[in-house]
C-alpha atoms as a PDB file:
ATOM      1  CA  MET A   1       6.245  24.847   9.093  1.00  0.00           C
ATOM      2  CA  ARG A   2       7.205  26.458  12.385  1.00  0.00           C
ATOM      3  CA  LYS A   3       9.995  29.018  12.433  1.00  0.00           C
ATOM      4  CA  ASN A   4      12.263  26.941  14.643  1.00  0.00           C
ATOM      5  CA  PHE A   5      12.424  24.051  12.197  1.00  0.00           C
ATOM      6  CA  ALA A   6      16.189  24.209  11.737  1.00  0.00           C
ATOM      7  CA  ILE A   7      17.384  21.811   9.092  1.00  0.00           C
ATOM      8  CA  SER A   8      19.036  23.119   5.958  1.00  0.00           C
ATOM      9  CA  ASN A   9      16.948  23.056   2.808  1.00  0.00           C
ATOM     10  CA  GLY A  10      19.635  21.119   0.968  1.00  0.00           C
ATOM     11  CA  ILE A  11      19.753  18.261   3.484  1.00  0.00           C
ATOM     12  CA  LEU A  12      15.981  18.266   3.807  1.00  0.00           C
ATOM     13  CA  ILE A  13      15.422  17.874   0.089  1.00  0.00           C
ATOM     14  CA  LEU A  14      17.932  15.007  -0.045  1.00  0.00           C
ATOM     15  CA  PHE A  15      16.070  13.085   2.626  1.00  0.00           C
ATOM     16  CA  LEU A  16      12.673  13.914   1.169  1.00  0.00           C
ATOM     17  CA  LEU A  17      13.572  12.741  -2.321  1.00  0.00           C
ATOM     18  CA  PHE A  18      16.079  10.001  -1.415  1.00  0.00           C
ATOM     19  CA  SER A  19      17.880  10.301  -4.704  1.00  0.00           C
ATOM     20  CA  TYR A  20      20.023   7.319  -3.891  1.00  0.00           C
ATOM     21  CA  THR A  21      23.727   6.592  -4.347  1.00  0.00           C
ATOM     22  CA  VAL A  22      24.744   3.240  -5.828  1.00  0.00           C
ATOM     23  CA  PHE A  23      27.172   1.035  -3.917  1.00  0.00           C
ATOM     24  CA  PRO A  24      29.248  -1.551  -5.726  1.00  0.00           C
ATOM     25  CA  GLN A  25      28.058  -4.826  -4.210  1.00  0.00           C
ATOM     26  CA  SER A  26      24.644  -6.258  -3.455  1.00  0.00           C
ATOM     27  CA  THR A  27      23.970  -7.342   0.134  1.00  0.00           C
ATOM     28  CA  ALA A  28      20.452  -8.677  -0.415  1.00  0.00           C
ATOM     29  CA  SER A  29      19.372 -11.930   1.235  1.00  0.00           C
ATOM     30  CA  PRO A  30      18.414 -14.979  -0.848  1.00  0.00           C
ATOM     31  CA  GLN A  31      15.013 -14.694   0.838  1.00  0.00           C
ATOM     32  CA  LEU A  32      14.318 -11.541  -1.182  1.00  0.00           C
ATOM     33  CA  SER A  33      12.598 -11.249  -4.521  1.00  0.00           C
ATOM     34  CA  LYS A  34      11.003  -8.425  -6.489  1.00  0.00           C
ATOM     35  CA  PHE A  35       7.899  -8.043  -8.577  1.00  0.00           C
ATOM     36  CA  GLN A  36       6.007  -5.234 -10.248  1.00  0.00           C
ATOM     37  CA  ILE A  37       2.341  -4.445  -9.844  1.00  0.00           C
ATOM     38  CA  ALA A  38       0.048  -1.868 -11.397  1.00  0.00           C
ATOM     39  CA  ALA A  39      -0.949   0.918  -9.017  1.00  0.00           C
ATOM     40  CA  PRO A  40      -4.042   2.451 -10.644  1.00  0.00           C
ATOM     41  CA  GLN A  41      -4.540   4.774  -7.680  1.00  0.00           C
ATOM     42  CA  LEU A  42      -1.178   6.373  -8.535  1.00  0.00           C
ATOM     43  CA  ASP A  43      -1.278   5.848 -12.296  1.00  0.00           C
ATOM     44  CA  THR A  44       2.051   4.023 -12.222  1.00  0.00           C
ATOM     45  CA  ILE A  45       3.753   0.645 -11.876  1.00  0.00           C
ATOM     46  CA  LYS A  46       5.228  -0.063  -8.454  1.00  0.00           C
ATOM     47  CA  THR A  47       8.232  -2.280  -7.753  1.00  0.00           C
ATOM     48  CA  ILE A  48       7.778  -4.383  -4.628  1.00  0.00           C
ATOM     49  CA  TRP A  49      10.500  -6.134  -2.617  1.00  0.00           C
ATOM     50  CA  LEU A  50       9.245  -9.325  -0.977  1.00  0.00           C
ATOM     51  CA  TYR A  51      10.931 -11.063   1.953  1.00  0.00           C
ATOM     52  CA  LEU A  52       9.753 -14.600   2.705  1.00  0.00           C
ATOM     53  CA  PRO A  53      10.869 -16.333   5.906  1.00  0.00           C
ATOM     54  CA  LYS A  54      13.245 -19.273   5.690  1.00  0.00           C
ATOM     55  CA  ASP A  55      10.534 -21.674   6.785  1.00  0.00           C
ATOM     56  CA  TYR A  56       7.878 -20.251   4.491  1.00  0.00           C
ATOM     57  CA  SER A  57       5.288 -22.873   3.672  1.00  0.00           C
ATOM     58  CA  GLU A  58       1.736 -22.906   2.440  1.00  0.00           C
ATOM     59  CA  GLU A  59       0.974 -25.125   5.414  1.00  0.00           C
ATOM     60  CA  LYS A  60       1.213 -22.246   7.880  1.00  0.00           C
ATOM     61  CA  LYS A  61       0.220 -18.590   7.845  1.00  0.00           C
ATOM     62  CA  PHE A  62       2.439 -15.591   8.515  1.00  0.00           C
ATOM     63  CA  PRO A  63       1.947 -11.996   9.676  1.00  0.00           C
ATOM     64  CA  VAL A  64       2.811  -9.305   7.150  1.00  0.00           C
ATOM     65  CA  LEU A  65       4.893  -6.155   7.607  1.00  0.00           C
ATOM     66  CA  TYR A  66       4.414  -3.440   4.975  1.00  0.00           C
ATOM     67  CA  MET A  67       7.348  -1.035   4.730  1.00  0.00           C
ATOM     68  CA  GLN A  68       8.106   2.150   2.811  1.00  0.00           C
ATOM     69  CA  ASP A  69      11.229   3.083   0.806  1.00  0.00           C
ATOM     70  CA  ALA A  70      12.217  -0.452  -0.187  1.00  0.00           C
ATOM     71  CA  GLN A  71      15.429   0.748  -1.853  1.00  0.00           C
ATOM     72  CA  ASN A  72      16.862   1.631   1.561  1.00  0.00           C
ATOM     73  CA  LEU A  73      15.907  -1.466   3.535  1.00  0.00           C
ATOM     74  CA  PHE A  74      17.741  -4.500   2.180  1.00  0.00           C
ATOM     75  CA  ASP A  75      20.609  -3.707  -0.145  1.00  0.00           C
ATOM     76  CA  ASN A  76      23.582  -1.362  -0.104  1.00  0.00           C
ATOM     77  CA  GLU A  77      23.492  -1.340  -3.885  1.00  0.00           C
ATOM     78  CA  THR A  78      20.251   0.639  -3.913  1.00  0.00           C
ATOM     79  CA  ALA A  79      20.281   2.386  -0.521  1.00  0.00           C
ATOM     80  CA  PHE A  80      20.551   6.146  -0.189  1.00  0.00           C
ATOM     81  CA  ALA A  81      23.145   6.114   2.575  1.00  0.00           C
ATOM     82  CA  GLY A  82      23.481   2.531   3.798  1.00  0.00           C
ATOM     83  CA  GLU A  83      20.722  -0.026   4.266  1.00  0.00           C
ATOM     84  CA  TRP A  84      18.577  -0.932   7.265  1.00  0.00           C
ATOM     85  CA  ALA A  85      19.699  -4.585   6.900  1.00  0.00           C
ATOM     86  CA  VAL A  86      16.145  -5.755   7.541  1.00  0.00           C
ATOM     87  CA  ASP A  87      16.731  -9.024   5.699  1.00  0.00           C
ATOM     88  CA  GLU A  88      19.985  -9.841   7.499  1.00  0.00           C
ATOM     89  CA  PHE A  89      18.334  -9.256  10.871  1.00  0.00           C
ATOM     90  CA  LEU A  90      15.298 -11.378  10.026  1.00  0.00           C
ATOM     91  CA  ASP A  91      17.500 -14.148   8.619  1.00  0.00           C
ATOM     92  CA  MET A  92      19.460 -14.257  11.871  1.00  0.00           C
ATOM     93  CA  GLN A  93      16.248 -14.480  13.889  1.00  0.00           C
ATOM     94  CA  ASP A  94      14.661 -17.128  11.668  1.00  0.00           C
ATOM     95  CA  ALA A  95      11.789 -14.669  11.818  1.00  0.00           C
ATOM     96  CA  GLU A  96       8.340 -15.865  10.843  1.00  0.00           C
ATOM     97  CA  VAL A  97       7.125 -12.744   9.058  1.00  0.00           C
ATOM     98  CA  ILE A  98       6.564 -11.714   5.456  1.00  0.00           C
ATOM     99  CA  VAL A  99       7.877  -8.260   4.580  1.00  0.00           C
ATOM    100  CA  VAL A 100       6.347  -6.364   1.679  1.00  0.00           C
ATOM    101  CA  ALA A 101       8.346  -3.227   0.891  1.00  0.00           C
ATOM    102  CA  ILE A 102       7.286  -0.622  -1.644  1.00  0.00           C
ATOM    103  CA  GLU A 103       9.859   1.295  -3.668  1.00  0.00           C
ATOM    104  CA  HIS A 104       9.455   5.040  -3.309  1.00  0.00           C
ATOM    105  CA  GLY A 105       8.522   7.062  -6.351  1.00  0.00           C
ATOM    106  CA  ASN A 106      11.786   9.041  -6.617  1.00  0.00           C
ATOM    107  CA  ASP A 107      10.639  12.539  -7.623  1.00  0.00           C
ATOM    108  CA  LYS A 108       7.078  11.550  -6.647  1.00  0.00           C
ATOM    109  CA  ARG A 109       8.081  10.448  -3.153  1.00  0.00           C
ATOM    110  CA  ILE A 110       6.952  13.641  -1.458  1.00  0.00           C
ATOM    111  CA  SER A 111       3.600  13.488  -3.202  1.00  0.00           C
ATOM    112  CA  GLU A 112       2.980   9.817  -2.389  1.00  0.00           C
ATOM    113  CA  LEU A 113       4.042   9.793   1.246  1.00  0.00           C
ATOM    114  CA  THR A 114       2.265  12.929   2.477  1.00  0.00           C
ATOM    115  CA  PRO A 115      -1.442  12.861   3.365  1.00  0.00           C
ATOM    116  CA  PHE A 116      -1.669  16.660   3.451  1.00  0.00           C
ATOM    117  CA  PRO A 117       0.138  19.280   1.336  1.00  0.00           C
ATOM    118  CA  ASN A 118       2.835  21.624   2.528  1.00  0.00           C
ATOM    119  CA  GLU A 119       2.786  25.217   1.310  1.00  0.00           C
ATOM    120  CA  LYS A 120       6.444  25.089   0.279  1.00  0.00           C
ATOM    121  CA  TYR A 121       7.024  21.456  -0.742  1.00  0.00           C
ATOM    122  CA  GLY A 122       3.642  20.493  -2.164  1.00  0.00           C
ATOM    123  CA  GLY A 123       2.572  16.869  -1.755  1.00  0.00           C
ATOM    124  CA  GLY A 124      -0.704  15.604  -0.401  1.00  0.00           C
ATOM    125  CA  ASN A 125      -1.460  12.455  -2.415  1.00  0.00           C
ATOM    126  CA  GLY A 126      -0.931  10.093   0.497  1.00  0.00           C
ATOM    127  CA  ASP A 127      -4.523   8.870   0.410  1.00  0.00           C
ATOM    128  CA  ARG A 128      -3.941   7.433  -3.059  1.00  0.00           C
ATOM    129  CA  TYR A 129      -0.761   5.731  -1.883  1.00  0.00           C
ATOM    130  CA  VAL A 130      -2.450   4.202   1.168  1.00  0.00           C
ATOM    131  CA  ASP A 131      -5.381   3.114  -0.988  1.00  0.00           C
ATOM    132  CA  PHE A 132      -2.921   1.394  -3.323  1.00  0.00           C
ATOM    133  CA  ILE A 133      -1.624  -0.663  -0.403  1.00  0.00           C
ATOM    134  CA  ARG A 134      -5.096  -1.344   0.991  1.00  0.00           C
ATOM    135  CA  GLU A 135      -7.039  -1.956  -2.220  1.00  0.00           C
ATOM    136  CA  THR A 136      -4.443  -3.434  -4.573  1.00  0.00           C
ATOM    137  CA  LEU A 137      -1.218  -4.591  -2.938  1.00  0.00           C
ATOM    138  CA  LYS A 138      -2.560  -6.243   0.213  1.00  0.00           C
ATOM    139  CA  PRO A 139      -5.264  -8.216  -1.641  1.00  0.00           C
ATOM    140  CA  HIS A 140      -2.606  -9.418  -4.084  1.00  0.00           C
ATOM    141  CA  ILE A 141      -0.276 -10.497  -1.272  1.00  0.00           C
ATOM    142  CA  ASP A 142      -3.083 -12.230   0.627  1.00  0.00           C
ATOM    143  CA  ALA A 143      -4.187 -14.074  -2.508  1.00  0.00           C
ATOM    144  CA  SER A 144      -0.663 -15.096  -3.530  1.00  0.00           C
ATOM    145  CA  TYR A 145       0.949 -16.025  -0.209  1.00  0.00           C
ATOM    146  CA  SER A 146       0.024 -17.760   3.014  1.00  0.00           C
ATOM    147  CA  THR A 147      -0.746 -14.743   5.185  1.00  0.00           C
ATOM    148  CA  LYS A 148      -2.593 -13.901   8.347  1.00  0.00           C
ATOM    149  CA  THR A 149      -4.992 -11.262   7.068  1.00  0.00           C
ATOM    150  CA  ALA A 150      -6.423  -9.748  10.263  1.00  0.00           C
ATOM    151  CA  SER A 151      -5.434  -6.235  11.341  1.00  0.00           C
ATOM    152  CA  ARG A 152      -3.703  -7.568  14.456  1.00  0.00           C
ATOM    153  CA  ASP A 153      -1.328  -9.459  12.147  1.00  0.00           C
ATOM    154  CA  THR A 154      -0.777  -6.585   9.700  1.00  0.00           C
ATOM    155  CA  TYR A 155       2.014  -4.084  10.387  1.00  0.00           C
ATOM    156  CA  ILE A 156       3.117  -0.923   8.605  1.00  0.00           C
ATOM    157  CA  MET A 157       6.414   0.891   9.124  1.00  0.00           C
ATOM    158  CA  GLY A 158       8.543   3.665   7.706  1.00  0.00           C
ATOM    159  CA  SER A 159      10.888   6.533   8.474  1.00  0.00           C
ATOM    160  CA  SER A 160      10.729  10.274   7.854  1.00  0.00           C
ATOM    161  CA  LEU A 161       7.895  10.775   5.350  1.00  0.00           C
ATOM    162  CA  GLY A 162       7.530   6.995   5.438  1.00  0.00           C
ATOM    163  CA  GLY A 163       6.901   7.262   9.171  1.00  0.00           C
ATOM    164  CA  LEU A 164       4.311   9.952   8.558  1.00  0.00           C
ATOM    165  CA  ILE A 165       2.356   7.928   5.999  1.00  0.00           C
ATOM    166  CA  SER A 166       2.588   4.727   8.061  1.00  0.00           C
ATOM    167  CA  PHE A 167       1.101   6.507  11.062  1.00  0.00           C
ATOM    168  CA  TYR A 168      -1.604   8.034   8.891  1.00  0.00           C
ATOM    169  CA  ALA A 169      -2.505   4.658   7.397  1.00  0.00           C
ATOM    170  CA  ALA A 170      -2.877   3.085  10.862  1.00  0.00           C
ATOM    171  CA  LEU A 171      -5.114   5.949  11.985  1.00  0.00           C
ATOM    172  CA  LYS A 172      -7.321   5.974   8.901  1.00  0.00           C
ATOM    173  CA  TYR A 173      -7.674   2.225   8.454  1.00  0.00           C
ATOM    174  CA  PRO A 174      -7.197   0.516  11.839  1.00  0.00           C
ATOM    175  CA  GLU A 175      -9.287  -2.379  10.538  1.00  0.00           C
ATOM    176  CA  VAL A 176      -6.501  -3.029   7.993  1.00  0.00           C
ATOM    177  CA  PHE A 177      -3.269  -1.823   9.625  1.00  0.00           C
ATOM    178  CA  GLY A 178      -3.366  -2.762  13.278  1.00  0.00           C
ATOM    179  CA  ASN A 179       0.206  -1.819  14.160  1.00  0.00           C
ATOM    180  CA  ALA A 180       2.568   0.951  13.102  1.00  0.00           C
ATOM    181  CA  GLY A 181       6.321   1.541  13.394  1.00  0.00           C
ATOM    182  CA  VAL A 182       6.755   5.304  13.219  1.00  0.00           C
ATOM    183  CA  PHE A 183      10.427   6.269  12.826  1.00  0.00           C
ATOM    184  CA  SER A 184      11.520   9.931  12.794  1.00  0.00           C
ATOM    185  CA  PRO A 185       8.081  10.965  11.539  1.00  0.00           C
ATOM    186  CA  SER A 186       7.816  14.146   9.462  1.00  0.00           C
ATOM    187  CA  PHE A 187       4.926  15.552  11.470  1.00  0.00           C
ATOM    188  CA  TRP A 188       6.267  19.032  10.643  1.00  0.00           C
ATOM    189  CA  PHE A 189       5.084  18.633   7.039  1.00  0.00           C
ATOM    190  CA  SER A 190       1.524  19.675   7.861  1.00  0.00           C
ATOM    191  CA  GLU A 191      -0.265  20.703  11.024  1.00  0.00           C
ATOM    192  CA  LYS A 192      -3.271  18.794   9.702  1.00  0.00           C
ATOM    193  CA  ILE A 193      -1.804  15.477  10.837  1.00  0.00           C
ATOM    194  CA  TYR A 194      -2.491  16.548  14.436  1.00  0.00           C
ATOM    195  CA  GLU A 195      -6.021  17.589  13.527  1.00  0.00           C
ATOM    196  CA  PHE A 196      -6.569  14.256  11.800  1.00  0.00           C
ATOM    197  CA  ALA A 197      -5.273  12.323  14.812  1.00  0.00           C
ATOM    198  CA  GLN A 198      -7.500  14.362  17.126  1.00  0.00           C
ATOM    199  CA  GLN A 199     -10.559  13.534  15.021  1.00  0.00           C
ATOM    200  CA  SER A 200      -9.727   9.854  14.499  1.00  0.00           C
ATOM    201  CA  GLN A 201     -11.396   6.980  16.314  1.00  0.00           C
ATOM    202  CA  ILE A 202      -8.385   4.971  17.445  1.00  0.00           C
ATOM    203  CA  SER A 203      -8.914   1.295  18.018  1.00  0.00           C
ATOM    204  CA  ASP A 204      -8.085  -0.055  21.457  1.00  0.00           C
ATOM    205  CA  LYS A 205      -6.229  -2.825  19.626  1.00  0.00           C
ATOM    206  CA  SER A 206      -3.894  -0.536  17.645  1.00  0.00           C
ATOM    207  CA  LYS A 207      -0.213  -0.408  18.595  1.00  0.00           C
ATOM    208  CA  PHE A 208       2.288   2.353  17.841  1.00  0.00           C
ATOM    209  CA  TYR A 209       6.071   2.232  18.151  1.00  0.00           C
ATOM    210  CA  PHE A 210       7.541   5.744  17.938  1.00  0.00           C
ATOM    211  CA  MET A 211      11.228   6.557  17.765  1.00  0.00           C
ATOM    212  CA  ALA A 212      13.410   9.532  16.929  1.00  0.00           C
ATOM    213  CA  GLY A 213      17.030  10.507  17.425  1.00  0.00           C
ATOM    214  CA  ASP A 214      18.160  13.238  19.768  1.00  0.00           C
ATOM    215  CA  SER A 215      20.450  14.658  17.052  1.00  0.00           C
ATOM    216  CA  GLU A 216      17.775  15.230  14.426  1.00  0.00           C
ATOM    217  CA  SER A 217      16.103  18.603  13.796  1.00  0.00           C
ATOM    218  CA  PRO A 218      15.213  20.609  16.928  1.00  0.00           C
ATOM    219  CA  ASP A 219      11.520  19.966  16.358  1.00  0.00           C
ATOM    220  CA  MET A 220      11.665  16.206  15.812  1.00  0.00           C
ATOM    221  CA  LEU A 221      11.374  15.042  19.425  1.00  0.00           C
ATOM    222  CA  PRO A 222       8.919  17.777  20.511  1.00  0.00           C
ATOM    223  CA  ASP A 223       6.704  16.989  17.524  1.00  0.00           C
ATOM    224  CA  MET A 224       6.778  13.276  18.275  1.00  0.00           C
ATOM    225  CA  HIS A 225       5.978  13.777  21.960  1.00  0.00           C
ATOM    226  CA  ARG A 226       3.190  16.192  21.070  1.00  0.00           C
ATOM    227  CA  MET A 227       1.569  13.418  19.035  1.00  0.00           C
ATOM    228  CA  ILE A 228       2.082  10.848  21.780  1.00  0.00           C
ATOM    229  CA  GLU A 229       0.456  13.159  24.344  1.00  0.00           C
ATOM    230  CA  LEU A 230      -2.447  13.729  21.963  1.00  0.00           C
ATOM    231  CA  LEU A 231      -2.969   9.977  21.656  1.00  0.00           C
ATOM    232  CA  LYS A 232      -2.810   9.522  25.414  1.00  0.00           C
ATOM    233  CA  GLU A 233      -5.329  12.320  25.948  1.00  0.00           C
ATOM    234  CA  LYS A 234      -7.648  10.514  23.538  1.00  0.00           C
ATOM    235  CA  GLY A 235      -7.500   7.443  25.737  1.00  0.00           C
ATOM    236  CA  VAL A 236      -4.876   5.350  23.971  1.00  0.00           C
ATOM    237  CA  GLU A 237      -3.531   3.074  26.694  1.00  0.00           C
ATOM    238  CA  ALA A 238       0.073   2.591  27.753  1.00  0.00           C
ATOM    239  CA  ARG A 239       0.067  -0.996  26.493  1.00  0.00           C
ATOM    240  CA  GLN A 240      -0.585   0.361  22.979  1.00  0.00           C
ATOM    241  CA  LEU A 241       2.322   2.799  22.944  1.00  0.00           C
ATOM    242  CA  LYS A 242       6.095   2.636  22.962  1.00  0.00           C
ATOM    243  CA  TRP A 243       8.379   5.590  22.378  1.00  0.00           C
ATOM    244  CA  VAL A 244      12.140   5.688  22.210  1.00  0.00           C
ATOM    245  CA  THR A 245      14.736   8.452  21.987  1.00  0.00           C
ATOM    246  CA  HIS A 246      17.760   7.133  20.133  1.00  0.00           C
ATOM    247  CA  LYS A 247      20.907   8.585  21.711  1.00  0.00           C
ATOM    248  CA  ASN A 248      23.024  10.474  19.156  1.00  0.00           C
ATOM    249  CA  GLY A 249      20.557   9.354  16.503  1.00  0.00           C
ATOM    250  CA  LYS A 250      20.496  11.382  13.322  1.00  0.00           C
ATOM    251  CA  HIS A 251      17.963  11.526  10.500  1.00  0.00           C
ATOM    252  CA  GLN A 252      19.568   8.705   8.556  1.00  0.00           C
ATOM    253  CA  GLU A 253      19.487   5.004   7.806  1.00  0.00           C
ATOM    254  CA  ALA A 254      22.052   4.114  10.462  1.00  0.00           C
ATOM    255  CA  THR A 255      19.674   5.282  13.198  1.00  0.00           C
ATOM    256  CA  TRP A 256      16.696   3.427  11.745  1.00  0.00           C
ATOM    257  CA  LYS A 257      18.757   0.289  11.182  1.00  0.00           C
ATOM    258  CA  ALA A 258      19.835   0.335  14.827  1.00  0.00           C
ATOM    259  CA  GLU A 259      16.253   0.713  16.045  1.00  0.00           C
ATOM    260  CA  PHE A 260      14.553  -1.798  13.749  1.00  0.00           C
ATOM    261  CA  PRO A 261      15.264  -4.888  15.940  1.00  0.00           C
ATOM    262  CA  ALA A 262      13.693  -3.298  19.030  1.00  0.00           C
ATOM    263  CA  ALA A 263      10.654  -2.187  17.047  1.00  0.00           C
ATOM    264  CA  TYR A 264      10.323  -5.661  15.559  1.00  0.00           C
ATOM    265  CA  TYR A 265      10.447  -7.332  18.966  1.00  0.00           C
ATOM    266  CA  TRP A 266       7.942  -4.960  20.557  1.00  0.00           C
ATOM    267  CA  LEU A 267       5.442  -4.903  17.712  1.00  0.00           C
ATOM    268  CA  LEU A 268       5.614  -8.510  16.567  1.00  0.00           C
ATOM    269  CA  GLN A 269       6.939 -10.505  19.515  1.00  0.00           C
ATOM    270  CA  ASN A 270       5.826  -8.831  22.724  1.00  0.00           C
ATOM    271  CA  ASP A 271       2.312  -8.804  24.156  1.00  0.00           C
ATOM    272  CA  ASP A 272       3.275  -6.710  27.184  1.00  0.00           C
ATOM    273  CA  HIS A 273       3.182  -3.220  25.669  1.00  0.00           C
ATOM    274  CA  GLY A 274       4.027   0.060  27.316  1.00  0.00           C
ATOM    275  CA  LYS A 275       6.788   2.580  27.882  1.00  0.00           C
ATOM    276  CA  ASP A 276       9.930   1.493  29.711  1.00  0.00           C
END
């Protein structure tokens, strides 16, 4: 971790662990359901939140968006500090997408969502987590629901450590995850993420939506732009990239909630990709 990473340890640990506060009333959409599935790669049982579109039917096929930290996406009752309201937004749009959101592992969150260890915070079991999605969860979803299975129709998204692991998954398995929403990514966690990106063969069909707030840690925006420049130097084209600085955006759900609609439109609805 570089010396100028200036976020207090107390706040950092809260956002890394997301030990959530319970709110009194559920705000979840009727389109949501939950199920549990064995995750042998992680030696645990994972709870999955499933959003099906209003017009879901076996007669048509739908793209799939995989998201991290399910507790924070749909329901104030389980969210750490307010929800993203993903379900409310998609309901309003009559969106034709299936969302598969994975609950974080509480005290195992750091371990699961980091592909490389950090000297101070540990972690580094992200490969097992990504393999769970790729080898177990996605095959189950594709077998159980009417999905478009190609990489161009498969999206992965998350924030903070969830942004880090989503980006990593899209780099490592572009044939599975063709598109990534990378919100406030914790690239600071290990310098090896830059080395991995430099060594990766990035598909000319992959798409990346980056965003971060200008009121996060001092290193957040420089780290994000460093990664974007690395991708551009590797030949990733403008049509494959979008990056946004959220004015007054902090490292919190309110910022990610505000940015989700734009990321959704660009990744899933817009074929004309590139920076504004």
